[in-house]
Amino acid sequence: MDVNGVGWITAIIIGGLAGWLAEMVMKSNTGIFMNIIMGIVGAVVLNAILRALSIEPFGVGWFAYLITGFVGACLLIFVGRLVRR
């Protein structure tokens, strides 16, 4: 089964990288497990938002998954900060 054109193991690895990049850019302090979760969930959430707005997602493949996961994880960090305040 594929996730956005990549396999599950690849999705976990790329999700972790996307979450780590988002952590660095947003200056968040989360661990490796949360980075993986944020990267994967961020990609899924952003794809759902784009499709709901009738916008074509960034494409298929590992690079598109990385970009989508990164932007989605940044959005999750931003929303999380709003909720905590």
PDB file of N, CA and C in Angstrom:
ATOM      1  N   MET A   1       0.837  -1.180   0.000  1.00  0.00           N
ATOM      2  CA  MET A   1       0.000   0.000   0.000  1.00  0.00           C
ATOM      3  C   MET A   1       0.878   1.238   0.000  1.00  0.00           C
ATOM      4  N   ASP A   2       0.523   2.212  -0.808  1.00  0.00           N
ATOM      5  CA  ASP A   2       1.309   3.430  -0.941  1.00  0.00           C
ATOM      6  C   ASP A   2       0.641   4.592  -0.224  1.00  0.00           C
ATOM      7  N   VAL A   3       1.467   5.499   0.250  1.00  0.00           N
ATOM      8  CA  VAL A   3       1.015   6.745   0.838  1.00  0.00           C
ATOM      9  C   VAL A   3       1.561   7.854  -0.039  1.00  0.00           C
ATOM     10  N   ASN A   4       0.686   8.517  -0.787  1.00  0.00           N
ATOM     11  CA  ASN A   4       1.089   9.617  -1.654  1.00  0.00           C
ATOM     12  C   ASN A   4       2.200   9.208  -2.618  1.00  0.00           C
ATOM     13  N   GLY A   5       2.142   8.006  -3.118  1.00  0.00           N
ATOM     14  CA  GLY A   5       3.119   7.557  -4.099  1.00  0.00           C
ATOM     15  C   GLY A   5       4.393   6.983  -3.523  1.00  0.00           C
ATOM     16  N   VAL A   6       4.509   6.912  -2.193  1.00  0.00           N
ATOM     17  CA  VAL A   6       5.690   6.319  -1.566  1.00  0.00           C
ATOM     18  C   VAL A   6       5.229   5.190  -0.651  1.00  0.00           C
ATOM     19  N   GLY A   7       6.107   4.243  -0.375  1.00  0.00           N
ATOM     20  CA  GLY A   7       5.774   3.130   0.503  1.00  0.00           C
ATOM     21  C   GLY A   7       5.711   3.568   1.960  1.00  0.00           C
ATOM     22  N   TRP A   8       5.215   2.688   2.814  1.00  0.00           N
ATOM     23  CA  TRP A   8       5.052   3.019   4.228  1.00  0.00           C
ATOM     24  C   TRP A   8       6.379   3.314   4.923  1.00  0.00           C
ATOM     25  N   ILE A   9       7.387   2.514   4.678  1.00  0.00           N
ATOM     26  CA  ILE A   9       8.694   2.739   5.306  1.00  0.00           C
ATOM     27  C   ILE A   9       9.280   4.066   4.835  1.00  0.00           C
ATOM     28  N   THR A  10       9.176   4.325   3.548  1.00  0.00           N
ATOM     29  CA  THR A  10       9.658   5.591   2.998  1.00  0.00           C
ATOM     30  C   THR A  10       8.868   6.753   3.573  1.00  0.00           C
ATOM     31  N   ALA A  11       7.550   6.584   3.755  1.00  0.00           N
ATOM     32  CA  ALA A  11       6.710   7.632   4.335  1.00  0.00           C
ATOM     33  C   ALA A  11       7.156   7.959   5.756  1.00  0.00           C
ATOM     34  N   ILE A  12       7.536   6.949   6.523  1.00  0.00           N
ATOM     35  CA  ILE A  12       8.005   7.179   7.888  1.00  0.00           C
ATOM     36  C   ILE A  12       9.324   7.943   7.878  1.00  0.00           C
ATOM     37  N   ILE A  13      10.234   7.536   7.019  1.00  0.00           N
ATOM     38  CA  ILE A  13      11.544   8.200   6.936  1.00  0.00           C
ATOM     39  C   ILE A  13      11.389   9.639   6.461  1.00  0.00           C
ATOM     40  N   ILE A  14      10.651   9.843   5.379  1.00  0.00           N
ATOM     41  CA  ILE A  14      10.460  11.188   4.838  1.00  0.00           C
ATOM     42  C   ILE A  14       9.628  12.037   5.800  1.00  0.00           C
ATOM     43  N   GLY A  15       8.638  11.422   6.451  1.00  0.00           N
ATOM     44  CA  GLY A  15       7.847  12.138   7.456  1.00  0.00           C
ATOM     45  C   GLY A  15       8.714  12.626   8.605  1.00  0.00           C
ATOM     46  N   GLY A  16       9.639  11.790   9.040  1.00  0.00           N
ATOM     47  CA  GLY A  16      10.575  12.198  10.091  1.00  0.00           C
ATOM     48  C   GLY A  16      11.446  13.354   9.656  1.00  0.00           C
ATOM     49  N   LEU A  17      11.925  13.302   8.428  1.00  0.00           N
ATOM     50  CA  LEU A  17      12.745  14.388   7.891  1.00  0.00           C
ATOM     51  C   LEU A  17      11.932  15.669   7.764  1.00  0.00           C
ATOM     52  N   ALA A  18      10.715  15.564   7.255  1.00  0.00           N
ATOM     53  CA  ALA A  18       9.845  16.738   7.112  1.00  0.00           C
ATOM     54  C   ALA A  18       9.528  17.333   8.481  1.00  0.00           C
ATOM     55  N   GLY A  19       9.222  16.480   9.456  1.00  0.00           N
ATOM     56  CA  GLY A  19       8.948  16.959  10.812  1.00  0.00           C
ATOM     57  C   GLY A  19      10.166  17.607  11.447  1.00  0.00           C
ATOM     58  N   TRP A  20      11.343  17.043  11.209  1.00  0.00           N
ATOM     59  CA  TRP A  20      12.581  17.613  11.747  1.00  0.00           C
ATOM     60  C   TRP A  20      12.855  18.978  11.130  1.00  0.00           C
ATOM     61  N   LEU A  21      12.672  19.090   9.802  1.00  0.00           N
ATOM     62  CA  LEU A  21      12.866  20.384   9.140  1.00  0.00           C
ATOM     63  C   LEU A  21      11.888  21.426   9.677  1.00  0.00           C
ATOM     64  N   ALA A  22      10.636  21.014   9.875  1.00  0.00           N
ATOM     65  CA  ALA A  22       9.636  21.931  10.424  1.00  0.00           C
ATOM     66  C   ALA A  22      10.008  22.341  11.849  1.00  0.00           C
ATOM     67  N   GLU A  23      10.521  21.393  12.616  1.00  0.00           N
ATOM     68  CA  GLU A  23      10.959  21.692  13.981  1.00  0.00           C
ATOM     69  C   GLU A  23      12.073  22.737  13.979  1.00  0.00           C
ATOM     70  N   MET A  24      13.011  22.606  13.059  1.00  0.00           N
ATOM     71  CA  MET A  24      14.121  23.556  12.974  1.00  0.00           C
ATOM     72  C   MET A  24      13.636  24.943  12.525  1.00  0.00           C
ATOM     73  N   VAL A  25      12.784  24.983  11.527  1.00  0.00           N
ATOM     74  CA  VAL A  25      12.302  26.261  10.993  1.00  0.00           C
ATOM     75  C   VAL A  25      11.402  26.970  12.005  1.00  0.00           C
ATOM     76  N   MET A  26      10.519  26.224  12.655  1.00  0.00           N
ATOM     77  CA  MET A  26       9.562  26.809  13.589  1.00  0.00           C
ATOM     78  C   MET A  26      10.128  26.945  15.003  1.00  0.00           C
ATOM     79  N   LYS A  27      11.362  26.511  15.198  1.00  0.00           N
ATOM     80  CA  LYS A  27      12.032  26.555  16.493  1.00  0.00           C
ATOM     81  C   LYS A  27      11.179  25.912  17.588  1.00  0.00           C
ATOM     82  N   SER A  28      10.720  24.718  17.266  1.00  0.00           N
ATOM     83  CA  SER A  28       9.935  23.913  18.191  1.00  0.00           C
ATOM     84  C   SER A  28      10.865  22.912  18.847  1.00  0.00           C
ATOM     85  N   ASN A  29      10.484  22.396  19.983  1.00  0.00           N
ATOM     86  CA  ASN A  29      11.349  21.441  20.671  1.00  0.00           C
ATOM     87  C   ASN A  29      10.583  20.132  20.855  1.00  0.00           C
ATOM     88  N   THR A  30      10.597  19.301  19.823  1.00  0.00           N
ATOM     89  CA  THR A  30       9.922  18.010  19.895  1.00  0.00           C
ATOM     90  C   THR A  30      10.949  16.919  19.638  1.00  0.00           C
ATOM     91  N   GLY A  31      10.590  15.705  19.958  1.00  0.00           N
ATOM     92  CA  GLY A  31      11.500  14.587  19.764  1.00  0.00           C
ATOM     93  C   GLY A  31      11.319  13.925  18.407  1.00  0.00           C
ATOM     94  N   ILE A  32      12.098  12.902  18.157  1.00  0.00           N
ATOM     95  CA  ILE A  32      12.081  12.206  16.868  1.00  0.00           C
ATOM     96  C   ILE A  32      10.719  11.569  16.594  1.00  0.00           C
ATOM     97  N   PHE A  33      10.086  11.014  17.609  1.00  0.00           N
ATOM     98  CA  PHE A  33       8.785  10.379  17.415  1.00  0.00           C
ATOM     99  C   PHE A  33       7.741  11.410  16.980  1.00  0.00           C
ATOM    100  N   MET A  34       7.723  12.568  17.648  1.00  0.00           N
ATOM    101  CA  MET A  34       6.778  13.625  17.277  1.00  0.00           C
ATOM    102  C   MET A  34       7.103  14.190  15.901  1.00  0.00           C
ATOM    103  N   ASN A  35       8.386  14.244  15.539  1.00  0.00           N
ATOM    104  CA  ASN A  35       8.760  14.706  14.200  1.00  0.00           C
ATOM    105  C   ASN A  35       8.164  13.798  13.135  1.00  0.00           C
ATOM    106  N   ILE A  36       8.260  12.492  13.343  1.00  0.00           N
ATOM    107  CA  ILE A  36       7.704  11.536  12.382  1.00  0.00           C
ATOM    108  C   ILE A  36       6.191  11.705  12.294  1.00  0.00           C
ATOM    109  N   ILE A  37       5.545  11.785  13.443  1.00  0.00           N
ATOM    110  CA  ILE A  37       4.088  11.943  13.473  1.00  0.00           C
ATOM    111  C   ILE A  37       3.674  13.246  12.789  1.00  0.00           C
ATOM    112  N   MET A  38       4.352  14.345  13.131  1.00  0.00           N
ATOM    113  CA  MET A  38       3.998  15.636  12.513  1.00  0.00           C
ATOM    114  C   MET A  38       4.218  15.635  11.012  1.00  0.00           C
ATOM    115  N   GLY A  39       5.280  15.010  10.550  1.00  0.00           N
ATOM    116  CA  GLY A  39       5.546  14.957   9.115  1.00  0.00           C
ATOM    117  C   GLY A  39       4.497  14.168   8.359  1.00  0.00           C
ATOM    118  N   ILE A  40       4.138  13.007   8.882  1.00  0.00           N
ATOM    119  CA  ILE A  40       3.145  12.155   8.216  1.00  0.00           C
ATOM    120  C   ILE A  40       1.752  12.767   8.318  1.00  0.00           C
ATOM    121  N   VAL A  41       1.349  13.158   9.516  1.00  0.00           N
ATOM    122  CA  VAL A  41       0.022  13.746   9.701  1.00  0.00           C
ATOM    123  C   VAL A  41      -0.065  15.081   8.956  1.00  0.00           C
ATOM    124  N   GLY A  42       1.002  15.845   8.978  1.00  0.00           N
ATOM    125  CA  GLY A  42       1.023  17.116   8.253  1.00  0.00           C
ATOM    126  C   GLY A  42       0.795  16.927   6.762  1.00  0.00           C
ATOM    127  N   ALA A  43       1.422  15.907   6.193  1.00  0.00           N
ATOM    128  CA  ALA A  43       1.231  15.628   4.762  1.00  0.00           C
ATOM    129  C   ALA A  43      -0.204  15.223   4.472  1.00  0.00           C
ATOM    130  N   VAL A  44      -0.768  14.383   5.319  1.00  0.00           N
ATOM    131  CA  VAL A  44      -2.151  13.927   5.123  1.00  0.00           C
ATOM    132  C   VAL A  44      -3.123  15.093   5.269  1.00  0.00           C
ATOM    133  N   VAL A  45      -2.930  15.903   6.317  1.00  0.00           N
ATOM    134  CA  VAL A  45      -3.830  17.037   6.560  1.00  0.00           C
ATOM    135  C   VAL A  45      -3.742  18.059   5.431  1.00  0.00           C
ATOM    136  N   LEU A  46      -2.531  18.402   5.016  1.00  0.00           N
ATOM    137  CA  LEU A  46      -2.390  19.393   3.944  1.00  0.00           C
ATOM    138  C   LEU A  46      -2.967  18.877   2.634  1.00  0.00           C
ATOM    139  N   ASN A  47      -2.775  17.610   2.322  1.00  0.00           N
ATOM    140  CA  ASN A  47      -3.394  17.042   1.119  1.00  0.00           C
ATOM    141  C   ASN A  47      -4.910  17.135   1.189  1.00  0.00           C
ATOM    142  N   ALA A  48      -5.480  16.859   2.355  1.00  0.00           N
ATOM    143  CA  ALA A  48      -6.939  16.945   2.518  1.00  0.00           C
ATOM    144  C   ALA A  48      -7.425  18.387   2.363  1.00  0.00           C
ATOM    145  N   ILE A  49      -6.688  19.334   2.940  1.00  0.00           N
ATOM    146  CA  ILE A  49      -7.064  20.745   2.821  1.00  0.00           C
ATOM    147  C   ILE A  49      -7.000  21.193   1.367  1.00  0.00           C
ATOM    148  N   LEU A  50      -5.930  20.827   0.676  1.00  0.00           N
ATOM    149  CA  LEU A  50      -5.782  21.225  -0.732  1.00  0.00           C
ATOM    150  C   LEU A  50      -6.888  20.633  -1.592  1.00  0.00           C
ATOM    151  N   ARG A  51      -7.215  19.380  -1.354  1.00  0.00           N
ATOM    152  CA  ARG A  51      -8.279  18.745  -2.144  1.00  0.00           C
ATOM    153  C   ARG A  51      -9.639  19.355  -1.833  1.00  0.00           C
ATOM    154  N   ALA A  52      -9.885  19.731  -0.569  1.00  0.00           N
ATOM    155  CA  ALA A  52     -11.156  20.372  -0.196  1.00  0.00           C
ATOM    156  C   ALA A  52     -11.297  21.732  -0.866  1.00  0.00           C
ATOM    157  N   LEU A  53     -10.170  22.396  -1.086  1.00  0.00           N
ATOM    158  CA  LEU A  53     -10.187  23.693  -1.762  1.00  0.00           C
ATOM    159  C   LEU A  53     -10.090  23.558  -3.281  1.00  0.00           C
ATOM    160  N   SER A  54     -10.169  22.345  -3.776  1.00  0.00           N
ATOM    161  CA  SER A  54     -10.064  22.037  -5.212  1.00  0.00           C
ATOM    162  C   SER A  54      -8.729  22.481  -5.801  1.00  0.00           C
ATOM    163  N   ILE A  55      -7.684  22.374  -5.000  1.00  0.00           N
ATOM    164  CA  ILE A  55      -6.325  22.679  -5.449  1.00  0.00           C
ATOM    165  C   ILE A  55      -5.593  21.359  -5.605  1.00  0.00           C
ATOM    166  N   GLU A  56      -4.921  21.187  -6.710  1.00  0.00           N
ATOM    167  CA  GLU A  56      -4.178  19.941  -6.950  1.00  0.00           C
ATOM    168  C   GLU A  56      -2.994  19.868  -5.986  1.00  0.00           C
ATOM    169  N   PRO A  57      -2.869  18.768  -5.228  1.00  0.00           N
ATOM    170  CA  PRO A  57      -1.701  18.611  -4.345  1.00  0.00           C
ATOM    171  C   PRO A  57      -0.392  18.678  -5.136  1.00  0.00           C
ATOM    172  N   PHE A  58       0.704  18.762  -4.425  1.00  0.00           N
ATOM    173  CA  PHE A  58       2.012  19.002  -5.022  1.00  0.00           C
ATOM    174  C   PHE A  58       2.498  17.909  -5.960  1.00  0.00           C
ATOM    175  N   GLY A  59       1.847  16.799  -6.021  1.00  0.00           N
ATOM    176  CA  GLY A  59       2.260  15.723  -6.912  1.00  0.00           C
ATOM    177  C   GLY A  59       2.447  14.423  -6.161  1.00  0.00           C
ATOM    178  N   VAL A  60       3.178  13.520  -6.808  1.00  0.00           N
ATOM    179  CA  VAL A  60       3.394  12.191  -6.255  1.00  0.00           C
ATOM    180  C   VAL A  60       4.896  11.954  -6.181  1.00  0.00           C
ATOM    181  N   GLY A  61       5.314  11.210  -5.196  1.00  0.00           N
ATOM    182  CA  GLY A  61       6.725  10.872  -5.063  1.00  0.00           C
ATOM    183  C   GLY A  61       7.304  11.398  -3.768  1.00  0.00           C
ATOM    184  N   TRP A  62       8.543  11.056  -3.522  1.00  0.00           N
ATOM    185  CA  TRP A  62       9.161  11.369  -2.247  1.00  0.00           C
ATOM    186  C   TRP A  62       9.377  12.861  -2.058  1.00  0.00           C
ATOM    187  N   PHE A  63       9.738  13.599  -3.110  1.00  0.00           N
ATOM    188  CA  PHE A  63       9.981  15.039  -2.958  1.00  0.00           C
ATOM    189  C   PHE A  63       8.676  15.778  -2.671  1.00  0.00           C
ATOM    190  N   ALA A  64       7.608  15.413  -3.370  1.00  0.00           N
ATOM    191  CA  ALA A  64       6.297  16.017  -3.125  1.00  0.00           C
ATOM    192  C   ALA A  64       5.827  15.702  -1.711  1.00  0.00           C
ATOM    193  N   TYR A  65       6.077  14.476  -1.247  1.00  0.00           N
ATOM    194  CA  TYR A  65       5.698  14.082   0.107  1.00  0.00           C
ATOM    195  C   TYR A  65       6.496  14.873   1.141  1.00  0.00           C
ATOM    196  N   LEU A  66       7.781  15.118   0.858  1.00  0.00           N
ATOM    197  CA  LEU A  66       8.622  15.901   1.757  1.00  0.00           C
ATOM    198  C   LEU A  66       8.108  17.338   1.866  1.00  0.00           C
ATOM    199  N   ILE A  67       7.812  17.968   0.741  1.00  0.00           N
ATOM    200  CA  ILE A  67       7.316  19.343   0.738  1.00  0.00           C
ATOM    201  C   ILE A  67       5.960  19.421   1.444  1.00  0.00           C
ATOM    202  N   THR A  68       5.067  18.508   1.101  1.00  0.00           N
ATOM    203  CA  THR A  68       3.736  18.498   1.709  1.00  0.00           C
ATOM    204  C   THR A  68       3.833  18.246   3.212  1.00  0.00           C
ATOM    205  N   GLY A  69       4.667  17.297   3.613  1.00  0.00           N
ATOM    206  CA  GLY A  69       4.859  17.003   5.035  1.00  0.00           C
ATOM    207  C   GLY A  69       5.456  18.168   5.793  1.00  0.00           C
ATOM    208  N   PHE A  70       6.420  18.845   5.187  1.00  0.00           N
ATOM    209  CA  PHE A  70       7.067  19.999   5.816  1.00  0.00           C
ATOM    210  C   PHE A  70       6.063  21.129   6.041  1.00  0.00           C
ATOM    211  N   VAL A  71       5.337  21.501   5.001  1.00  0.00           N
ATOM    212  CA  VAL A  71       4.363  22.590   5.114  1.00  0.00           C
ATOM    213  C   VAL A  71       3.254  22.201   6.092  1.00  0.00           C
ATOM    214  N   GLY A  72       2.774  20.968   5.986  1.00  0.00           N
ATOM    215  CA  GLY A  72       1.742  20.497   6.906  1.00  0.00           C
ATOM    216  C   GLY A  72       2.209  20.469   8.346  1.00  0.00           C
ATOM    217  N   ALA A  73       3.438  20.033   8.588  1.00  0.00           N
ATOM    218  CA  ALA A  73       3.977  20.003   9.947  1.00  0.00           C
ATOM    219  C   ALA A  73       4.137  21.421  10.496  1.00  0.00           C
ATOM    220  N   CYS A  74       4.556  22.355   9.660  1.00  0.00           N
ATOM    221  CA  CYS A  74       4.646  23.759  10.090  1.00  0.00           C
ATOM    222  C   CYS A  74       3.270  24.276  10.488  1.00  0.00           C
ATOM    223  N   LEU A  75       2.253  23.927   9.712  1.00  0.00           N
ATOM    224  CA  LEU A  75       0.887  24.325  10.054  1.00  0.00           C
ATOM    225  C   LEU A  75       0.446  23.711  11.380  1.00  0.00           C
ATOM    226  N   LEU A  76       0.771  22.440  11.599  1.00  0.00           N
ATOM    227  CA  LEU A  76       0.416  21.784  12.854  1.00  0.00           C
ATOM    228  C   LEU A  76       1.107  22.448  14.049  1.00  0.00           C
ATOM    229  N   ILE A  77       2.372  22.789  13.904  1.00  0.00           N
ATOM    230  CA  ILE A  77       3.094  23.471  14.982  1.00  0.00           C
ATOM    231  C   ILE A  77       2.450  24.828  15.262  1.00  0.00           C
ATOM    232  N   PHE A  78       2.110  25.557  14.197  1.00  0.00           N
ATOM    233  CA  PHE A  78       1.480  26.865  14.338  1.00  0.00           C
ATOM    234  C   PHE A  78       0.144  26.762  15.069  1.00  0.00           C
ATOM    235  N   VAL A  79      -0.693  25.820  14.643  1.00  0.00           N
ATOM    236  CA  VAL A  79      -2.000  25.629  15.288  1.00  0.00           C
ATOM    237  C   VAL A  79      -1.819  25.173  16.738  1.00  0.00           C
ATOM    238  N   GLY A  80      -0.857  24.300  16.982  1.00  0.00           N
ATOM    239  CA  GLY A  80      -0.585  23.850  18.339  1.00  0.00           C
ATOM    240  C   GLY A  80      -0.187  24.995  19.250  1.00  0.00           C
ATOM    241  N   ARG A  81       0.585  25.935  18.747  1.00  0.00           N
ATOM    242  CA  ARG A  81       0.972  27.101  19.538  1.00  0.00           C
ATOM    243  C   ARG A  81      -0.229  27.998  19.815  1.00  0.00           C
ATOM    244  N   LEU A  82      -1.117  28.135  18.848  1.00  0.00           N
ATOM    245  CA  LEU A  82      -2.327  28.938  19.064  1.00  0.00           C
ATOM    246  C   LEU A  82      -3.215  28.319  20.134  1.00  0.00           C
ATOM    247  N   VAL A  83      -3.334  27.002  20.122  1.00  0.00           N
ATOM    248  CA  VAL A  83      -4.189  26.307  21.085  1.00  0.00           C
ATOM    249  C   VAL A  83      -3.595  26.396  22.491  1.00  0.00           C
ATOM    250  N   ARG A  84      -2.292  26.274  22.609  1.00  0.00           N
ATOM    251  CA  ARG A  84      -1.653  26.307  23.931  1.00  0.00           C
ATOM    252  C   ARG A  84      -1.733  27.669  24.586  1.00  0.00           C
ATOM    253  N   ARG A  85      -1.855  28.744  23.817  1.00  0.00           N
ATOM    254  CA  ARG A  85      -1.919  30.097  24.389  1.00  0.00           C
ATOM    255  C   ARG A  85      -3.250  30.362  24.907  1.00  0.00           C
TER     256      ARG A  85
END
